[in-house]
Amino acid sequence: MAYNYENFDAYVADGTEAREFAAFPDHLHAGAAAPDASLTRLEDGGTARLSERWQQRMVVLEFGSYT
């Protein structure tokens, strides 16, 4: 399945993307500090706090589409 670049480029070029993104003022932006949260560990299903994990090693949070 091909990505819809033609429509996406028009969506960005006409400013729709910026207007829609601006409608969420409390939205996290790239580089912003993440709020603390309870996370589910994939290896055993247990829980861990985000604040505990980032103290031990780097943490990358990915939300939405990563293309």
C-alpha atoms as a PDB file:
ATOM      1  CA  MET A   1       0.000   0.000   0.000  1.00  0.00           C
ATOM      2  CA  ALA A   2       1.453   3.352  -1.028  1.00  0.00           C
ATOM      3  CA  TYR A   3       1.461   6.335   1.292  1.00  0.00           C
ATOM      4  CA  ASN A   4      -0.751   9.232   0.206  1.00  0.00           C
ATOM      5  CA  TYR A   5       2.055  11.785  -0.224  1.00  0.00           C
ATOM      6  CA  GLU A   6       0.238  13.927  -2.786  1.00  0.00           C
ATOM      7  CA  ASN A   7      -2.670  14.688  -0.447  1.00  0.00           C
ATOM      8  CA  PHE A   8      -0.424  14.960   2.621  1.00  0.00           C
ATOM      9  CA  ASP A   9       1.809  17.534   0.925  1.00  0.00           C
ATOM     10  CA  ALA A  10      -1.255  19.642   0.002  1.00  0.00           C
ATOM     11  CA  TYR A  11      -2.552  19.319   3.584  1.00  0.00           C
ATOM     12  CA  VAL A  12       0.725  20.713   4.916  1.00  0.00           C
ATOM     13  CA  ALA A  13       1.139  23.370   2.212  1.00  0.00           C
ATOM     14  CA  ASP A  14      -2.299  24.950   2.685  1.00  0.00           C
ATOM     15  CA  GLY A  15      -1.811  25.346   6.452  1.00  0.00           C
ATOM     16  CA  THR A  16      -4.472  22.846   7.534  1.00  0.00           C
ATOM     17  CA  GLU A  17      -1.930  20.811   9.483  1.00  0.00           C
ATOM     18  CA  ALA A  18      -0.725  23.842  11.470  1.00  0.00           C
ATOM     19  CA  ARG A  19      -4.286  24.980  12.274  1.00  0.00           C
ATOM     20  CA  GLU A  20      -5.347  21.526  13.435  1.00  0.00           C
ATOM     21  CA  PHE A  21      -2.194  21.051  15.522  1.00  0.00           C
ATOM     22  CA  ALA A  22      -2.628  24.488  17.138  1.00  0.00           C
ATOM     23  CA  ALA A  23      -6.111  23.455  18.309  1.00  0.00           C
ATOM     24  CA  PHE A  24      -4.414  21.321  20.990  1.00  0.00           C
ATOM     25  CA  PRO A  25      -2.485  23.848  23.120  1.00  0.00           C
ATOM     26  CA  ASP A  26      -1.693  21.293  25.826  1.00  0.00           C
ATOM     27  CA  HIS A  27      -0.374  18.819  23.283  1.00  0.00           C
ATOM     28  CA  LEU A  28       3.186  17.595  23.815  1.00  0.00           C
ATOM     29  CA  HIS A  29       5.635  18.790  21.208  1.00  0.00           C
ATOM     30  CA  ALA A  30       8.915  17.234  20.102  1.00  0.00           C
ATOM     31  CA  GLY A  31      11.534  17.820  22.772  1.00  0.00           C
ATOM     32  CA  ALA A  32       8.991  18.619  25.515  1.00  0.00           C
ATOM     33  CA  ALA A  33       9.259  16.857  28.863  1.00  0.00           C
ATOM     34  CA  ALA A  34       6.820  13.972  29.153  1.00  0.00           C
ATOM     35  CA  PRO A  35       4.517  13.798  32.163  1.00  0.00           C
ATOM     36  CA  ASP A  36       5.176  10.946  34.580  1.00  0.00           C
ATOM     37  CA  ALA A  37       3.066   7.884  33.836  1.00  0.00           C
ATOM     38  CA  SER A  38       2.667   4.240  34.740  1.00  0.00           C
ATOM     39  CA  LEU A  39       3.967   1.980  31.975  1.00  0.00           C
ATOM     40  CA  THR A  40       3.392  -1.700  31.225  1.00  0.00           C
ATOM     41  CA  ARG A  41       6.600  -3.680  30.716  1.00  0.00           C
ATOM     42  CA  LEU A  42       6.433  -5.811  27.565  1.00  0.00           C
ATOM     43  CA  GLU A  43       8.769  -8.486  28.916  1.00  0.00           C
ATOM     44  CA  ASP A  44       6.639  -9.490  31.931  1.00  0.00           C
ATOM     45  CA  GLY A  45       3.457  -7.397  31.974  1.00  0.00           C
ATOM     46  CA  GLY A  46       4.494  -5.651  35.198  1.00  0.00           C
ATOM     47  CA  THR A  47       4.396  -1.906  35.694  1.00  0.00           C
ATOM     48  CA  ALA A  48       7.073   0.750  36.011  1.00  0.00           C
ATOM     49  CA  ARG A  49       6.997   4.526  36.369  1.00  0.00           C
ATOM     50  CA  LEU A  50       8.339   6.588  33.494  1.00  0.00           C
ATOM     51  CA  SER A  51      10.290   8.687  35.999  1.00  0.00           C
ATOM     52  CA  GLU A  52      12.050   5.528  37.242  1.00  0.00           C
ATOM     53  CA  ARG A  53      12.944   4.327  33.746  1.00  0.00           C
ATOM     54  CA  TRP A  54      14.501   7.569  32.502  1.00  0.00           C
ATOM     55  CA  GLN A  55      16.747   7.712  35.564  1.00  0.00           C
ATOM     56  CA  GLN A  56      18.192   4.317  34.598  1.00  0.00           C
ATOM     57  CA  ARG A  57      18.584   4.873  30.836  1.00  0.00           C
ATOM     58  CA  MET A  58      17.399   6.940  27.887  1.00  0.00           C
ATOM     59  CA  VAL A  59      13.697   6.591  27.113  1.00  0.00           C
ATOM     60  CA  VAL A  60      12.064   7.199  23.739  1.00  0.00           C
ATOM     61  CA  LEU A  61       8.297   7.611  23.597  1.00  0.00           C
ATOM     62  CA  GLU A  62       6.684   7.240  20.192  1.00  0.00           C
ATOM     63  CA  PHE A  63       3.072   8.305  19.731  1.00  0.00           C
ATOM     64  CA  GLY A  64       1.123   7.882  16.545  1.00  0.00           C
ATOM     65  CA  SER A  65       2.639   7.180  13.183  1.00  0.00           C
ATOM     66  CA  TYR A  66       6.395   6.806  12.744  1.00  0.00           C
ATOM     67  CA  THR A  67       7.113   6.991   9.015  1.00  0.00           C
END
